N, C-alpha and C. Protein backbone atom coordinates (compact mmCIF):
# COMPACT_ATOMS: atom_id res chain seq x y z
N UNK A 1 -20.17 -6.88 -39.20
CA UNK A 1 -19.42 -6.00 -39.25
C UNK A 1 -17.99 -6.85 -38.69
N UNK A 2 -17.04 -6.47 -39.23
CA UNK A 2 -15.65 -7.29 -39.18
C UNK A 2 -15.02 -6.64 -37.93
N UNK A 3 -14.29 -7.20 -36.94
CA UNK A 3 -13.55 -6.99 -35.75
C UNK A 3 -12.45 -6.24 -36.60
N UNK A 4 -12.28 -5.32 -35.51
CA UNK A 4 -11.18 -4.52 -35.78
C UNK A 4 -9.57 -5.18 -35.28
N UNK A 5 -9.00 -5.25 -36.32
CA UNK A 5 -7.52 -5.65 -35.77
C UNK A 5 -7.00 -4.76 -34.91
N UNK A 6 -5.85 -5.69 -33.63
CA UNK A 6 -5.40 -4.29 -32.75
C UNK A 6 -4.07 -3.95 -33.75
N UNK A 7 -3.81 -2.92 -33.81
CA UNK A 7 -2.47 -2.51 -34.36
C UNK A 7 -1.47 -2.37 -33.66
N UNK A 8 -1.32 -2.40 -31.96
CA UNK A 8 -0.41 -2.32 -31.58
C UNK A 8 -0.35 -3.90 -30.54
N UNK A 9 0.65 -4.90 -31.57
CA UNK A 9 0.84 -6.20 -30.85
C UNK A 9 2.27 -6.55 -30.69
N UNK A 10 2.28 -7.04 -29.91
CA UNK A 10 4.17 -7.84 -29.57
C UNK A 10 4.43 -8.30 -30.96
N UNK A 11 5.67 -7.85 -31.11
CA UNK A 11 6.10 -8.25 -32.39
C UNK A 11 7.44 -9.16 -32.39
N UNK A 12 8.52 -9.53 -32.87
CA UNK A 12 9.75 -9.86 -33.10
C UNK A 12 10.91 -9.03 -33.53
N UNK A 13 10.55 -7.91 -33.67
CA UNK A 13 11.80 -6.79 -33.48
C UNK A 13 12.50 -6.86 -32.71
N UNK A 14 13.65 -6.52 -33.02
CA UNK A 14 15.06 -6.59 -31.55
C UNK A 14 14.94 -5.41 -31.05
N UNK A 15 14.83 -4.90 -29.75
CA UNK A 15 14.55 -4.11 -29.08
C UNK A 15 15.91 -3.31 -29.38
N UNK A 16 17.28 -4.13 -29.30
CA UNK A 16 18.40 -3.36 -28.90
C UNK A 16 18.38 -2.73 -30.52
N UNK A 17 18.13 -3.71 -31.80
CA UNK A 17 18.23 -2.77 -32.81
C UNK A 17 17.53 -1.69 -33.16
N UNK A 18 16.05 -1.83 -32.48
CA UNK A 18 15.18 -0.46 -32.74
C UNK A 18 16.00 0.56 -31.73
N UNK A 19 16.54 0.46 -30.65
CA UNK A 19 17.19 1.45 -30.06
C UNK A 19 18.30 2.11 -30.90
N UNK A 20 19.06 0.95 -31.30
CA UNK A 20 20.71 1.55 -31.95
C UNK A 20 20.16 2.35 -33.31
N UNK A 21 18.78 2.31 -33.95
CA UNK A 21 18.44 2.74 -34.86
C UNK A 21 18.03 4.02 -34.74
N UNK A 22 17.82 4.88 -33.42
CA UNK A 22 17.32 6.04 -33.57
C UNK A 22 17.92 6.93 -33.84
N UNK A 23 17.54 7.64 -34.64
CA UNK A 23 18.68 8.92 -35.18
C UNK A 23 19.17 9.99 -34.66
N UNK A 24 18.55 10.46 -33.48
CA UNK A 24 19.15 11.71 -32.29
C UNK A 24 19.52 10.58 -31.38
N UNK A 25 21.29 10.94 -31.66
CA UNK A 25 21.78 10.20 -30.24
C UNK A 25 21.62 10.43 -28.90
N UNK A 26 20.88 11.79 -28.70
CA UNK A 26 20.49 12.07 -27.36
C UNK A 26 19.26 11.05 -26.96
N UNK A 27 18.36 11.08 -28.22
CA UNK A 27 17.11 10.28 -27.80
C UNK A 27 17.57 8.79 -27.70
N UNK A 28 18.46 8.51 -28.26
CA UNK A 28 18.98 7.29 -28.49
C UNK A 28 19.53 6.87 -27.07
N UNK A 29 20.29 7.44 -26.39
CA UNK A 29 20.58 7.46 -24.82
C UNK A 29 19.44 7.32 -23.90
N UNK A 30 18.68 8.03 -24.21
CA UNK A 30 17.81 8.40 -23.47
C UNK A 30 16.86 7.04 -22.94
N UNK A 31 16.79 6.54 -24.75
CA UNK A 31 16.00 5.00 -24.64
C UNK A 31 16.21 4.13 -23.85
N UNK A 32 18.10 4.13 -24.06
CA UNK A 32 18.74 3.24 -23.43
C UNK A 32 18.57 3.43 -21.50
N UNK A 33 18.65 4.73 -21.21
CA UNK A 33 18.68 4.72 -20.01
C UNK A 33 16.99 4.32 -19.27
N UNK A 34 16.05 4.66 -20.19
CA UNK A 34 14.68 4.27 -19.47
C UNK A 34 14.53 2.74 -19.63
N UNK A 35 15.05 2.20 -20.46
CA UNK A 35 14.98 0.70 -20.66
C UNK A 35 15.70 -0.08 -19.75
N UNK A 36 16.82 0.40 -19.19
CA UNK A 36 17.58 0.14 -17.93
C UNK A 36 16.66 -0.01 -16.65
N UNK A 37 15.71 1.23 -16.50
CA UNK A 37 15.27 1.52 -15.20
C UNK A 37 13.97 0.58 -15.28
N UNK A 38 13.20 0.24 -16.74
CA UNK A 38 12.44 -0.85 -16.48
C UNK A 38 12.93 -2.08 -16.34
N UNK A 39 13.86 -2.11 -16.93
CA UNK A 39 14.69 -3.93 -17.07
C UNK A 39 14.76 -4.33 -14.94
N UNK A 40 15.27 -2.93 -14.38
CA UNK A 40 15.74 -2.83 -13.06
C UNK A 40 13.82 -3.18 -12.35
N UNK A 41 13.16 -2.58 -12.88
CA UNK A 41 11.94 -2.51 -11.80
C UNK A 41 11.12 -3.68 -12.11
N UNK A 42 11.07 -4.10 -13.28
CA UNK A 42 10.38 -5.36 -13.79
C UNK A 42 10.86 -6.58 -13.63
N UNK A 43 12.06 -6.68 -14.18
CA UNK A 43 12.76 -7.73 -13.91
C UNK A 43 12.80 -8.58 -14.87
N UNK A 44 12.44 -8.10 -16.29
CA UNK A 44 11.87 -8.52 -17.56
C UNK A 44 13.12 -7.99 -18.22
N UNK A 45 13.00 -8.66 -19.65
CA UNK A 45 13.53 -7.89 -20.93
C UNK A 45 12.34 -7.54 -21.60
N UNK A 46 12.86 -6.44 -22.68
CA UNK A 46 11.70 -5.85 -23.40
C UNK A 46 11.38 -6.78 -24.57
N UNK A 47 10.12 -6.09 -25.10
CA UNK A 47 9.49 -6.73 -26.46
C UNK A 47 9.01 -5.17 -27.17
N UNK A 48 9.08 -5.32 -28.37
CA UNK A 48 8.69 -4.39 -28.89
C UNK A 48 7.19 -4.61 -29.08
N UNK A 49 6.58 -3.61 -29.10
CA UNK A 49 5.02 -3.72 -29.37
C UNK A 49 4.67 -2.68 -30.61
N UNK A 50 4.25 -3.49 -31.48
CA UNK A 50 4.13 -2.17 -32.49
C UNK A 50 5.34 -1.67 -33.32
N UNK A 51 5.38 -0.57 -34.12
CA UNK A 51 6.33 -0.25 -34.31
C UNK A 51 7.53 0.50 -33.59
N UNK A 52 6.75 0.95 -32.29
CA UNK A 52 7.69 1.85 -31.51
C UNK A 52 7.28 2.35 -30.07
N UNK A 53 6.69 0.83 -29.65
CA UNK A 53 6.69 0.93 -28.32
C UNK A 53 7.52 -0.49 -27.66
N UNK A 54 8.33 0.28 -26.53
CA UNK A 54 9.53 -0.85 -25.93
C UNK A 54 8.61 -0.98 -24.97
N UNK A 55 7.95 -2.30 -24.77
CA UNK A 55 6.93 -2.92 -23.59
C UNK A 55 7.61 -3.77 -22.67
N UNK A 56 7.05 -4.05 -21.41
CA UNK A 56 7.38 -5.03 -20.58
C UNK A 56 6.37 -5.69 -19.95
N UNK A 57 6.58 -7.08 -19.87
CA UNK A 57 5.21 -7.97 -19.61
C UNK A 57 4.15 -7.68 -20.26
N UNK A 58 3.19 -8.07 -20.14
CA UNK A 58 1.89 -7.91 -20.91
C UNK A 58 0.53 -8.33 -20.24
N UNK A 59 -0.88 -8.11 -20.47
CA UNK A 59 -1.77 -8.11 -19.65
C UNK A 59 -2.86 -8.52 -20.63
N UNK A 60 -3.98 -9.23 -20.43
CA UNK A 60 -5.01 -9.00 -21.15
C UNK A 60 -6.16 -7.78 -20.59
N UNK A 61 -6.92 -7.25 -21.25
CA UNK A 61 -8.19 -6.37 -21.10
C UNK A 61 -9.16 -6.90 -21.65
N UNK A 62 -10.26 -6.15 -21.18
CA UNK A 62 -11.71 -6.43 -21.66
C UNK A 62 -12.46 -5.29 -21.35
N UNK A 63 -12.69 -4.07 -22.32
CA UNK A 63 -13.53 -3.14 -22.02
C UNK A 63 -15.23 -3.65 -22.13
N UNK A 64 -16.23 -2.72 -21.30
CA UNK A 64 -17.39 -3.13 -21.13
C UNK A 64 -17.96 -3.16 -22.54
N UNK A 65 -17.63 -2.13 -23.88
CA UNK A 65 -18.05 -2.52 -24.82
C UNK A 65 -17.75 -4.03 -25.46
N UNK A 66 -16.92 -4.70 -24.84
CA UNK A 66 -16.40 -6.04 -25.60
C UNK A 66 -15.03 -6.21 -26.08
N UNK A 67 -14.87 -5.11 -26.37
CA UNK A 67 -13.37 -5.05 -26.75
C UNK A 67 -12.48 -5.44 -26.00
N UNK A 68 -11.65 -6.40 -26.72
CA UNK A 68 -10.71 -7.15 -25.40
C UNK A 68 -8.89 -6.92 -26.45
N UNK A 69 -8.28 -7.16 -25.69
CA UNK A 69 -6.73 -7.63 -26.28
C UNK A 69 -6.01 -7.88 -25.24
N UNK A 70 -4.70 -7.99 -25.48
CA UNK A 70 -3.50 -7.76 -24.65
C UNK A 70 -2.62 -6.78 -25.17
N UNK A 71 -1.94 -6.06 -24.37
CA UNK A 71 -1.15 -5.16 -24.31
C UNK A 71 0.10 -5.08 -23.35
N UNK A 72 1.07 -4.21 -23.42
CA UNK A 72 2.54 -4.35 -22.33
C UNK A 72 1.82 -3.85 -20.99
N UNK A 73 2.24 -4.60 -20.04
CA UNK A 73 2.08 -4.01 -18.64
C UNK A 73 2.30 -2.33 -18.41
N UNK A 74 3.51 -2.17 -18.84
CA UNK A 74 4.53 -1.16 -19.05
C UNK A 74 5.61 -0.81 -20.15
N UNK A 75 5.45 0.24 -20.58
CA UNK A 75 6.45 0.66 -21.56
C UNK A 75 6.64 2.04 -21.84
N UNK A 76 7.33 2.24 -23.06
CA UNK A 76 7.77 3.67 -23.29
C UNK A 76 8.04 3.83 -24.59
N UNK A 77 7.96 5.09 -25.54
CA UNK A 77 8.38 5.29 -26.90
C UNK A 77 9.28 6.44 -27.04
N UNK A 78 10.29 6.15 -27.52
CA UNK A 78 11.23 7.46 -27.60
C UNK A 78 10.78 8.16 -28.45
N UNK A 79 9.64 8.90 -28.77
CA UNK A 79 9.15 9.69 -30.03
C UNK A 79 10.04 11.04 -30.03
N UNK A 80 9.63 11.68 -31.43
CA UNK A 80 10.86 12.78 -31.37
C UNK A 80 10.27 13.67 -30.65
N UNK A 81 9.12 14.32 -29.88
CA UNK A 81 8.28 15.21 -29.78
C UNK A 81 8.81 14.93 -28.15
N UNK A 82 8.52 13.87 -27.52
CA UNK A 82 8.70 13.41 -26.16
C UNK A 82 8.65 12.09 -26.03
N UNK A 83 9.73 11.66 -24.92
CA UNK A 83 9.73 10.34 -24.23
C UNK A 83 8.29 10.12 -23.65
N UNK A 84 8.03 9.52 -24.14
CA UNK A 84 6.25 8.58 -23.91
C UNK A 84 6.29 7.24 -23.10
N UNK A 85 5.99 7.52 -21.66
CA UNK A 85 5.84 6.51 -20.75
C UNK A 85 4.33 6.03 -20.52
N UNK A 86 3.99 4.47 -20.90
CA UNK A 86 2.98 4.34 -20.43
C UNK A 86 2.48 3.70 -19.53
N UNK A 87 1.00 3.33 -19.51
CA UNK A 87 0.27 2.92 -17.99
C UNK A 87 0.93 3.61 -16.93
N UNK A 88 1.24 4.44 -16.82
CA UNK A 88 1.48 5.72 -15.96
C UNK A 88 0.50 6.14 -15.35
N UNK A 89 -0.70 6.06 -14.77
CA UNK A 89 -1.89 6.70 -14.21
C UNK A 89 -1.06 7.13 -12.74
N UNK A 90 -0.53 8.42 -13.17
CA UNK A 90 0.05 8.86 -11.65
C UNK A 90 -0.80 9.36 -10.49
N UNK A 91 -1.19 10.56 -10.53
CA UNK A 91 -1.72 11.01 -9.33
C UNK A 91 -2.89 10.09 -8.78
N UNK A 92 -3.90 9.64 -9.64
CA UNK A 92 -5.37 9.42 -9.20
C UNK A 92 -5.55 7.93 -9.44
N UNK A 93 -4.53 7.14 -9.46
CA UNK A 93 -4.43 5.94 -9.35
C UNK A 93 -3.54 4.85 -8.78
N UNK A 94 -2.49 5.65 -8.38
CA UNK A 94 -1.40 5.29 -7.87
C UNK A 94 -1.35 4.87 -6.40
N UNK A 95 -1.75 5.00 -5.85
CA UNK A 95 -2.10 4.96 -4.20
C UNK A 95 -1.91 6.05 -3.32
N UNK A 96 -2.00 7.17 -3.99
CA UNK A 96 -1.93 8.45 -3.29
C UNK A 96 -0.36 9.21 -3.69
N UNK A 97 0.39 8.01 -3.69
CA UNK A 97 2.17 8.56 -3.88
C UNK A 97 2.14 8.70 -5.01
N UNK A 98 1.37 8.63 -6.05
CA UNK A 98 1.88 9.24 -7.34
C UNK A 98 2.19 10.55 -7.46
N UNK A 99 1.07 11.44 -6.64
CA UNK A 99 0.96 12.84 -6.80
C UNK A 99 2.43 13.40 -6.27
N UNK A 100 2.47 12.86 -5.19
CA UNK A 100 3.71 13.39 -4.38
C UNK A 100 5.18 13.16 -5.18
N UNK A 101 5.20 12.06 -5.73
CA UNK A 101 6.66 11.52 -6.66
C UNK A 101 6.48 12.77 -7.89
N UNK A 102 5.09 12.71 -8.86
CA UNK A 102 5.28 13.39 -9.87
C UNK A 102 5.49 15.04 -9.63
N UNK A 103 5.72 15.29 -8.34
CA UNK A 103 5.71 16.76 -7.91
C UNK A 103 7.19 17.04 -7.62
N UNK A 104 8.02 15.78 -7.19
CA UNK A 104 9.31 15.88 -7.09
C UNK A 104 10.17 15.57 -8.99
N UNK A 105 9.18 15.03 -9.63
CA UNK A 105 9.93 14.58 -10.82
C UNK A 105 10.58 15.56 -11.42
N UNK A 106 10.36 16.53 -11.79
CA UNK A 106 10.89 17.56 -12.72
C UNK A 106 9.74 17.99 -14.04
N UNK A 107 10.36 18.60 -14.95
CA UNK A 107 9.99 18.96 -16.16
C UNK A 107 8.94 18.00 -16.85
N UNK A 108 7.69 17.61 -16.53
CA UNK A 108 7.16 16.91 -17.59
C UNK A 108 5.38 16.96 -17.57
N UNK A 109 4.70 16.15 -18.68
CA UNK A 109 3.39 16.51 -18.81
C UNK A 109 2.84 15.12 -18.42
N UNK A 110 1.42 15.02 -18.62
CA UNK A 110 0.74 13.94 -18.15
C UNK A 110 -0.57 13.77 -19.08
N UNK A 111 -0.85 12.68 -19.73
CA UNK A 111 -2.21 12.60 -20.46
C UNK A 111 -2.88 11.47 -19.90
N UNK A 112 -3.67 10.95 -20.35
CA UNK A 112 -4.81 9.62 -20.09
C UNK A 112 -3.61 8.42 -20.06
N UNK A 113 -3.31 8.03 -19.16
CA UNK A 113 -2.27 7.05 -18.53
C UNK A 113 -1.07 7.08 -19.15
N UNK A 114 -0.47 8.50 -19.65
CA UNK A 114 1.07 8.42 -20.31
C UNK A 114 1.65 9.77 -19.55
N UNK A 115 2.94 9.81 -19.46
CA UNK A 115 3.64 10.47 -18.83
C UNK A 115 4.80 11.11 -20.14
N UNK A 116 4.94 12.26 -20.19
CA UNK A 116 5.46 12.52 -21.33
C UNK A 116 6.94 13.56 -20.83
N UNK A 117 7.87 13.47 -21.14
CA UNK A 117 9.13 14.22 -20.83
C UNK A 117 9.79 14.23 -21.84
N UNK A 118 10.14 15.69 -22.22
CA UNK A 118 10.90 16.08 -23.48
C UNK A 118 12.48 15.78 -23.32
N UNK A 119 12.64 16.13 -22.17
CA UNK A 119 14.37 15.53 -22.25
C UNK A 119 14.56 15.12 -20.94
N UNK A 120 15.42 14.07 -20.90
CA UNK A 120 15.21 13.11 -19.49
C UNK A 120 16.53 13.85 -18.51
N UNK A 121 16.83 14.74 -18.82
CA UNK A 121 17.88 15.69 -18.02
C UNK A 121 16.95 16.48 -17.37
N UNK A 122 15.74 16.73 -17.61
CA UNK A 122 14.72 17.46 -16.73
C UNK A 122 14.07 16.80 -15.79
N UNK A 123 14.42 15.29 -15.76
CA UNK A 123 13.87 15.08 -14.70
C UNK A 123 14.86 14.26 -13.87
N UNK A 124 14.14 13.89 -12.22
CA UNK A 124 14.88 12.95 -11.25
C UNK A 124 14.69 11.67 -11.63
N UNK A 125 15.83 10.82 -12.02
CA UNK A 125 16.06 9.73 -12.91
C UNK A 125 15.37 8.82 -11.43
N UNK A 126 15.87 9.52 -10.19
CA UNK A 126 15.57 8.21 -9.14
C UNK A 126 13.79 8.23 -8.71
N UNK A 127 13.45 9.67 -9.17
CA UNK A 127 11.65 9.61 -8.81
C UNK A 127 11.39 8.93 -9.73
N UNK A 128 11.65 9.32 -11.47
CA UNK A 128 11.06 8.82 -12.22
C UNK A 128 11.18 7.24 -11.80
N UNK A 129 12.10 6.04 -11.78
CA UNK A 129 12.24 5.27 -11.31
C UNK A 129 11.04 4.45 -10.14
N UNK A 130 10.98 5.43 -9.30
CA UNK A 130 10.02 5.28 -8.38
C UNK A 130 8.36 5.42 -9.02
N UNK A 131 8.48 6.16 -9.94
CA UNK A 131 7.06 6.12 -10.51
C UNK A 131 6.77 5.03 -11.27
N UNK A 132 7.84 4.40 -11.77
CA UNK A 132 7.74 3.57 -13.06
C UNK A 132 7.26 1.87 -12.00
N UNK A 133 7.99 2.13 -10.72
CA UNK A 133 7.81 0.92 -9.65
C UNK A 133 6.49 1.02 -9.22
N UNK A 134 5.73 2.22 -9.08
CA UNK A 134 4.50 2.49 -8.45
C UNK A 134 3.38 2.08 -9.60
N UNK A 135 3.36 2.35 -10.41
CA UNK A 135 2.77 2.01 -12.35
C UNK A 135 2.96 0.48 -12.10
N UNK A 136 3.94 0.03 -12.04
CA UNK A 136 4.05 -1.39 -12.35
C UNK A 136 3.47 -2.33 -11.13
N UNK A 137 3.46 -1.78 -10.24
CA UNK A 137 2.99 -2.57 -8.99
C UNK A 137 0.98 -2.27 -8.98
N UNK A 138 0.65 -1.02 -9.50
CA UNK A 138 -0.57 -1.07 -9.68
C UNK A 138 -1.13 -1.86 -10.69
N UNK A 139 -0.42 -2.16 -11.99
CA UNK A 139 -0.86 -2.62 -12.86
C UNK A 139 -0.83 -4.22 -12.18
N UNK A 140 0.18 -4.42 -11.55
CA UNK A 140 -0.04 -6.08 -11.17
C UNK A 140 -1.01 -6.33 -10.09
N UNK A 141 -1.53 -5.29 -9.59
CA UNK A 141 -2.23 -5.39 -8.88
C UNK A 141 -4.13 -5.68 -9.45
N UNK A 142 -3.62 -4.55 -10.45
CA UNK A 142 -5.06 -4.53 -11.34
C UNK A 142 -5.55 -5.65 -12.09
N UNK A 143 -4.17 -6.03 -12.45
CA UNK A 143 -4.33 -7.25 -13.40
C UNK A 143 -3.63 -8.61 -13.42
N UNK A 144 -3.91 -9.22 -12.22
CA UNK A 144 -3.06 -10.30 -11.85
C UNK A 144 -2.88 -11.46 -13.00
N UNK A 145 -2.00 -12.22 -12.97
CA UNK A 145 -1.87 -12.99 -14.01
C UNK A 145 -2.55 -14.57 -13.57
């Protein structure tokens, strides 16, 4: 059986062009705000991962099944339904502080490793930045370079 090709890989697409092309002006402004948060927290410029994820840094992973690959250490996608922040294992894996911060964040929902925000005005940006920093630190401890 052929090995499945990973769909989400780093690309050469310009993040600036991607953000500028977001049709909804509110979502475009929100993407620029979240990009600024990630740049401050990580000290890195972004890279497009696949067609719609803006990512920062990278790490190699390997599952028990043997599947392996490379993905961004943190990032987000300004999707139509919600802003999706990746690698955000909040309450269960971020040193206990994640749950406290999530409770202060404002209107959001979570999924396995993701944080979903419908509108950026519904959350406290300072708390969001703390959550991004907490997640970034956890990723760096879990996947040292």
